[in-house]
Each structure stands twice: as structure tokens, then as C-alpha cells.
Amino acid sequence: MTEIPEHLLKRSRDRKSGDSASSGESAGASGENVPAVQKATAPAKAVKNEPSVVVAKPDTPRVAAAKSRKKIPFWAMATLSLLPLWAFLYAYGVKPQVKEVEGPLAVGSEIYGGCAGCHGAAGQGGAGRILHQGEVLKTFPHIEDMLNFVYTGSQAYVSAGIKQYGDLKREGGAHAPLSYNGNPMPQQGETYGGGLSQAEILGVVCHVRYGVSGADPKSEQWAEEYETWCSPESEIFKALETGGTSFDTIAQDFSMLKEKPNEVGTKPRASTAK
């Protein structure tokens, strides 16, 4: 075995002592008591992935306008739901109010539908005579004569030998029972198998005179007749409806009236000389 000189061993010891001192100083300077090996093998901290920031695209003009538009408030829906009712009430309010017809004229206007087939809906004539524009008033200046003719019909006049009816001095000549196209006036009275009561006949005669032919109930010529026979307050019409009078007794039953009625009758008769 070779012997190592003493001075080499001392140098080796001094070198080791210096390395140990350097290592201690390094550890003290770092202030950590963690072994060097542990420090070297410590895992690196994970880097957190931050979410990327998405930049919103600007709205198109149409979308921006829709977003900026004012929304309908909730109470407006209740108001809008009432619009149909408001429209109905408004239309009803501005609609012209039609005066309701009562009494004989109301009854007669319904019955005249059955007469329109011959005389026309407006009284313009056809198979039957013209009634409008005052024509029927020229023929029958007295309502009693018209009531009698409508009740009995033209055939009864022919059978009774009566050649003319109504006003015998009528402009253009008096009318003969069968002078208009040879068509007879149908019998309307119950006595002759007709389907109308005496009150209904008064009603349709009133409608023809005041609703079709144009008699003015406020005029001096027709006011008294209208009040006596055709007004809603007509006592004669009410009595005919209840059976309190008849065409055969009207003249006697209402002789107290200012406009005393003439005989009507249920049989063909000559015109009234009133």
C-alpha cells in the first residue's frame, strides 16, 4: 500500500471544509430549510387557462330599432280589448234613430206585404192599380169608402150592380170595379171568406193612405181623418180590435167624435156624399 503524504491529506481536508462552508452559506442566504434535492424535484405550478374575451358584434339597425322601441304597457292590453265594444256603441250612437210606428200603421205595414204582389212594394202598380203619389187619395177622398171596397172586393160590387166606386167625380173619371186590366180586387172581409179582420183592414188602409200614397197627417186636409182612424191613439181602431164596434155600427158608436165617421158597412154601397 502506498502511503499518502500528510500535506496532501491536509489539503484535501481543507478543501472539503471549504465546500461545506459554501453550501451552508448558500442555504442560509435563501432562507429556506428545504433540501437541495427536494427543491430541484418540486413540480412546477400549473398555469391557469384564462377564458378568452369574446367581443360582441354590434346590432344591426333593425335589431337596434326593435330594442329601443317602447314596449306596450300591460294596462294597454285591457284598453285594447274594449275597442270592439266602443266601436259598437259608437256605431249605435251615430245611427239615425228610426221612429217606431205603432197602432194601425204598424199593423198595416206588415199586412201590405201580401198586397205588394199586385200593387207593387211602393204602390207603383202591376196587376193591381197604382196606389202611390196620391192616386188612392183621388179615388177615395173618404176613408170609409175605401174600407168598404177593400172589405167586400170588386166582385161584390159587380154582383150588386154598382158600376163605379169611390169618388164619382174623380179627375180622369170614376173607376169601375173591373176596369183595370180586368183584374178584380180580392175580397178581404170575413163575410166574403177573406182572411183579414176589420181591425187589420183598417190598418192596411191607413198604411196605404199615409205610408204609400203620401197623405200628410199634419196637413189641414188629412189631420182629422188621421187622428180619428189611423193614429196610435185611434179609439175606433182599438174598438175594432176588441170587438167593441164593427164596420156596420161605427157611425152610431162614434157619433160623438168631432170628425163623425160615416157608415162603412160590410156590403157594397154607393160612394159617400160627404
Protein backbone atom coordinates (compact mmCIF):
# COMPACT_ATOMS: atom_id res chain seq x y z
CA MET A 1 0.00 0.00 0.00
CA THR A 2 1.26 3.47 -0.90
CA GLU A 3 1.26 5.99 1.91
CA ILE A 4 -0.29 9.43 1.18
CA PRO A 5 1.77 12.31 2.33
CA GLU A 6 0.44 14.33 5.22
CA HIS A 7 0.34 17.62 3.42
CA LEU A 8 -1.93 16.17 0.70
CA LEU A 9 -4.34 14.84 3.27
CA LYS A 10 -4.46 18.26 4.98
CA ARG A 11 -5.13 19.98 1.65
CA SER A 12 -7.96 17.55 0.95
CA ARG A 13 -9.46 18.15 4.37
CA ASP A 14 -9.24 21.91 3.94
CA ARG A 15 -10.95 21.69 0.51
CA LYS A 16 -13.85 19.67 1.93
CA SER A 17 -14.23 22.09 4.80
CA GLY A 18 -14.44 24.99 2.32
CA ASP A 19 -17.10 23.23 0.20
CA SER A 20 -19.21 22.55 3.29
CA ALA A 21 -19.00 26.18 4.35
CA SER A 22 -20.04 27.38 0.88
CA SER A 23 -23.05 25.08 0.91
CA GLY A 24 -24.15 26.34 4.33
CA GLU A 25 -23.85 29.95 3.28
CA SER A 26 -25.96 29.31 0.18
CA ALA A 27 -28.67 27.64 2.24
CA GLY A 28 -28.67 30.45 4.80
CA ALA A 29 -28.88 33.09 2.10
CA SER A 30 -32.02 31.56 0.58
CA GLY A 31 -33.78 31.43 3.99
CA GLU A 32 -35.26 28.02 3.23
CA ASN A 33 -34.66 24.80 5.09
CA VAL A 34 -35.66 22.70 2.11
CA PRO A 35 -33.06 20.18 0.96
CA ALA A 36 -31.45 20.97 -2.38
CA VAL A 37 -32.64 17.74 -3.90
CA GLN A 38 -36.24 18.47 -2.85
CA LYS A 39 -36.00 21.94 -4.38
CA ALA A 40 -34.77 20.57 -7.62
CA THR A 41 -37.54 17.98 -7.89
CA ALA A 42 -40.51 20.22 -6.79
CA PRO A 43 -43.21 20.27 -9.51
CA ALA A 44 -43.87 23.50 -11.33
CA LYS A 45 -47.14 25.31 -10.59
CA ALA A 46 -49.91 24.75 -13.20
CA VAL A 47 -50.71 27.73 -15.29
CA LYS A 48 -54.46 28.60 -15.14
CA ASN A 49 -56.04 28.94 -18.56
CA GLU A 50 -57.91 32.27 -18.54
CA PRO A 51 -61.10 32.30 -20.77
CA SER A 52 -60.70 34.29 -23.89
CA VAL A 53 -62.76 37.52 -24.09
CA VAL A 54 -65.43 37.45 -26.82
CA VAL A 55 -66.17 40.82 -28.35
CA ALA A 56 -69.95 41.17 -29.17
CA LYS A 57 -70.85 42.23 -32.65
CA PRO A 58 -72.81 45.46 -32.90
CA ASP A 59 -76.60 45.13 -33.54
CA THR A 60 -77.93 45.74 -36.99
CA PRO A 61 -80.07 48.91 -37.41
CA ARG A 62 -83.27 46.84 -37.47
CA VAL A 63 -82.40 44.97 -34.25
CA ALA A 64 -81.27 48.18 -32.56
CA ALA A 65 -84.56 49.86 -33.51
CA ALA A 66 -86.57 46.93 -32.16
CA LYS A 67 -84.69 47.02 -28.86
CA SER A 68 -85.10 50.77 -28.50
CA ARG A 69 -88.81 50.75 -29.38
CA LYS A 70 -91.12 51.34 -26.42
CA LYS A 71 -92.97 48.27 -25.28
CA ILE A 72 -96.79 48.29 -24.92
CA PRO A 73 -97.60 48.71 -21.21
CA PHE A 74 -99.58 45.90 -19.63
CA TRP A 75 -102.62 48.09 -18.97
CA ALA A 76 -102.89 48.92 -22.66
CA MET A 77 -103.99 45.37 -23.48
CA ALA A 78 -107.08 45.74 -21.30
CA THR A 79 -107.87 49.02 -23.04
CA LEU A 80 -107.43 47.49 -26.48
CA SER A 81 -109.76 44.63 -25.59
CA LEU A 82 -112.56 47.18 -25.07
CA LEU A 83 -112.22 48.66 -28.56
CA PRO A 84 -114.85 46.35 -30.17
CA LEU A 85 -117.39 47.37 -27.53
CA TRP A 86 -116.54 51.04 -28.04
CA ALA A 87 -116.93 50.65 -31.81
CA PHE A 88 -120.36 49.05 -31.36
CA LEU A 89 -121.56 51.80 -29.02
CA TYR A 90 -120.22 54.48 -31.35
CA ALA A 91 -121.95 52.97 -34.38
CA TYR A 92 -125.19 52.67 -32.41
CA GLY A 93 -124.90 56.28 -31.25
CA VAL A 94 -124.41 57.76 -34.72
CA LYS A 95 -127.02 55.52 -36.38
CA PRO A 96 -130.15 57.51 -37.24
CA GLN A 97 -132.94 56.59 -34.90
CA VAL A 98 -135.94 55.31 -36.80
CA LYS A 99 -139.20 56.34 -35.26
CA GLU A 100 -141.14 53.29 -34.26
CA VAL A 101 -144.57 53.08 -35.88
CA GLU A 102 -147.44 51.96 -33.66
CA GLY A 103 -151.16 51.39 -33.90
CA PRO A 104 -152.98 50.88 -37.24
CA LEU A 105 -149.94 51.86 -39.34
CA ALA A 106 -147.76 49.23 -37.66
CA VAL A 107 -150.35 46.52 -38.31
CA GLY A 108 -150.96 47.69 -41.88
CA SER A 109 -147.29 47.83 -42.88
CA GLU A 110 -146.96 44.11 -42.12
CA ILE A 111 -150.16 43.16 -43.93
CA TYR A 112 -149.31 45.19 -47.04
CA GLY A 113 -146.66 42.62 -47.95
CA GLY A 114 -149.48 40.45 -49.23
CA CYS A 115 -150.83 43.35 -51.33
CA ALA A 116 -147.50 44.24 -52.91
CA GLY A 117 -147.69 41.33 -55.33
CA CYS A 118 -150.41 43.18 -57.29
CA HIS A 119 -149.93 46.82 -56.33
CA GLY A 120 -146.12 46.90 -56.07
CA ALA A 121 -143.92 47.28 -53.00
CA ALA A 122 -144.04 51.08 -53.35
CA GLY A 123 -147.57 51.20 -54.72
CA GLN A 124 -146.35 51.61 -58.30
CA GLY A 125 -148.95 49.20 -59.62
CA GLY A 126 -148.80 45.99 -61.60
CA ALA A 127 -151.66 43.55 -61.80
CA GLY A 128 -153.44 45.93 -59.46
CA ARG A 129 -153.99 49.67 -59.64
CA ILE A 130 -151.40 52.33 -58.86
CA LEU A 131 -151.63 53.48 -55.25
CA HIS A 132 -148.68 55.83 -54.77
CA GLN A 133 -148.25 59.57 -55.40
CA GLY A 134 -151.73 60.39 -54.16
CA GLU A 135 -153.57 58.13 -56.63
CA VAL A 136 -155.52 56.23 -53.99
CA LEU A 137 -156.48 59.52 -52.31
CA LYS A 138 -158.01 60.76 -55.56
CA THR A 139 -160.08 57.60 -55.82
CA PHE A 140 -161.08 57.51 -52.15
CA PRO A 141 -161.17 61.02 -50.63
CA HIS A 142 -163.17 59.44 -47.79
CA ILE A 143 -161.59 56.59 -45.89
CA GLU A 144 -164.96 54.95 -45.22
CA ASP A 145 -165.44 54.25 -48.95
CA MET A 146 -162.02 52.63 -49.22
CA LEU A 147 -162.68 50.45 -46.17
CA ASN A 148 -165.92 49.23 -47.69
CA PHE A 149 -164.34 48.44 -51.08
CA VAL A 150 -161.37 46.57 -49.57
CA TYR A 151 -163.66 44.59 -47.28
CA THR A 152 -166.15 43.50 -49.96
CA GLY A 153 -163.94 43.34 -53.07
CA SER A 154 -164.83 44.32 -56.63
CA GLN A 155 -166.82 41.17 -57.44
CA ALA A 156 -169.37 42.01 -54.78
CA TYR A 157 -169.76 45.45 -56.39
CA VAL A 158 -170.39 43.85 -59.76
CA SER A 159 -172.90 41.43 -58.22
CA ALA A 160 -174.70 44.32 -56.51
CA GLY A 161 -174.93 46.23 -59.81
CA ILE A 162 -172.69 49.05 -58.62
CA LYS A 163 -170.81 50.23 -61.72
CA GLN A 164 -168.42 52.71 -60.10
CA TYR A 165 -166.72 53.03 -56.74
CA GLY A 166 -165.03 55.81 -54.83
CA ASP A 167 -165.23 59.43 -55.95
CA LEU A 168 -167.69 59.62 -58.86
CA LYS A 169 -166.17 62.99 -59.83
CA ARG A 170 -162.63 61.73 -59.84
CA GLU A 171 -160.21 63.53 -62.16
CA GLY A 172 -159.89 61.32 -65.24
CA GLY A 173 -163.16 59.58 -64.47
CA ALA A 174 -164.51 57.34 -61.75
CA HIS A 175 -163.21 53.78 -61.51
CA ALA A 176 -165.29 50.78 -62.43
CA PRO A 177 -164.86 47.61 -60.32
CA LEU A 178 -163.22 45.60 -63.13
CA SER A 179 -161.81 48.42 -65.26
CA TYR A 180 -158.10 47.80 -64.56
CA ASN A 181 -156.86 45.02 -66.84
CA GLY A 182 -159.96 43.08 -65.94
CA ASN A 183 -158.39 42.10 -62.62
CA PRO A 184 -160.73 42.11 -59.64
CA MET A 185 -159.92 43.45 -56.22
CA PRO A 186 -159.91 40.33 -54.00
CA GLN A 187 -162.42 40.17 -51.16
CA GLN A 188 -160.68 40.71 -47.83
CA GLY A 189 -163.57 40.74 -45.35
CA GLU A 190 -164.50 37.77 -43.21
CA THR A 191 -168.06 37.84 -44.54
CA TYR A 192 -166.73 37.04 -48.01
CA GLY A 193 -164.17 34.47 -46.98
CA GLY A 194 -161.30 36.90 -46.71
CA GLY A 195 -158.51 36.40 -44.20
CA LEU A 196 -158.40 39.84 -42.57
CA SER A 197 -160.23 41.12 -39.54
CA GLN A 198 -161.87 44.54 -39.64
CA ALA A 199 -159.08 45.99 -37.47
CA GLU A 200 -156.47 44.60 -39.90
CA ILE A 201 -158.32 46.06 -42.88
CA LEU A 202 -158.32 49.46 -41.19
CA GLY A 203 -154.61 49.03 -40.55
CA VAL A 204 -153.69 48.23 -44.17
CA VAL A 205 -155.94 51.02 -45.49
CA CYS A 206 -154.20 53.50 -43.15
CA HIS A 207 -150.80 52.26 -44.34
CA VAL A 208 -151.76 52.68 -48.00
CA ARG A 209 -153.14 56.18 -47.47
CA TYR A 210 -150.37 57.57 -45.21
CA GLY A 211 -147.41 55.31 -45.92
CA VAL A 212 -147.81 54.61 -49.65
CA SER A 213 -149.99 57.28 -51.23
CA GLY A 214 -148.49 60.14 -49.26
CA ALA A 215 -151.28 61.72 -47.20
CA ASP A 216 -149.75 64.13 -44.69
CA PRO A 217 -151.20 63.51 -41.20
CA LYS A 218 -150.25 67.07 -40.17
CA SER A 219 -151.92 68.80 -43.09
CA GLU A 220 -155.27 70.52 -42.74
CA GLN A 221 -156.82 68.16 -45.26
CA TRP A 222 -155.88 64.89 -43.56
CA ALA A 223 -155.24 65.71 -39.88
CA GLU A 224 -158.76 64.96 -38.65
CA GLU A 225 -159.01 61.70 -40.57
CA TYR A 226 -155.63 60.58 -39.29
CA GLU A 227 -156.46 61.30 -35.65
CA THR A 228 -159.84 59.57 -35.89
CA TRP A 229 -158.86 56.45 -37.80
CA CYS A 230 -155.10 55.93 -38.12
CA SER A 231 -153.23 57.43 -35.18
CA PRO A 232 -151.82 55.18 -32.44
CA GLU A 233 -154.48 56.65 -30.14
CA SER A 234 -157.39 55.87 -32.51
CA GLU A 235 -160.38 54.80 -30.41
CA ILE A 236 -162.02 53.28 -33.48
CA PHE A 237 -159.04 51.00 -34.15
CA LYS A 238 -158.90 49.90 -30.51
CA ALA A 239 -162.64 49.18 -30.50
CA LEU A 240 -162.34 47.12 -33.70
CA GLU A 241 -159.50 45.10 -32.14
CA THR A 242 -161.54 44.31 -29.03
CA GLY A 243 -164.86 43.80 -30.82
CA GLY A 244 -166.36 46.92 -29.24
CA THR A 245 -167.54 48.13 -32.65
CA SER A 246 -167.76 46.96 -36.25
CA PHE A 247 -167.94 48.38 -39.75
CA ASP A 248 -171.73 48.14 -39.50
CA THR A 249 -172.01 50.17 -36.26
CA ILE A 250 -169.08 52.59 -36.31
CA ALA A 251 -171.20 55.57 -37.41
CA GLN A 252 -173.52 55.12 -34.41
CA ASP A 253 -170.89 54.04 -31.88
CA PHE A 254 -168.66 57.09 -32.54
CA SER A 255 -171.19 59.75 -33.42
CA MET A 256 -169.83 61.83 -30.53
CA LEU A 257 -166.49 62.40 -32.26
CA LYS A 258 -165.66 65.80 -33.73
CA GLU A 259 -164.94 64.11 -37.05
CA LYS A 260 -168.06 61.98 -37.05
CA PRO A 261 -167.44 58.83 -39.11
CA ASN A 262 -169.74 57.87 -41.93
CA GLU A 263 -171.11 54.39 -42.41
CA VAL A 264 -168.58 51.82 -43.53
CA GLY A 265 -170.73 48.71 -43.85
CA THR A 266 -169.93 45.16 -44.79
CA LYS A 267 -171.97 45.16 -48.03
CA PRO A 268 -171.21 47.03 -51.27
CA ARG A 269 -172.66 50.54 -51.27
CA ALA A 270 -172.56 53.76 -53.24
CA SER A 271 -169.83 56.28 -52.52
CA THR A 272 -170.09 58.72 -49.63
CA ALA A 273 -171.58 62.11 -50.46
CA LYS A 274 -169.77 63.93 -47.68
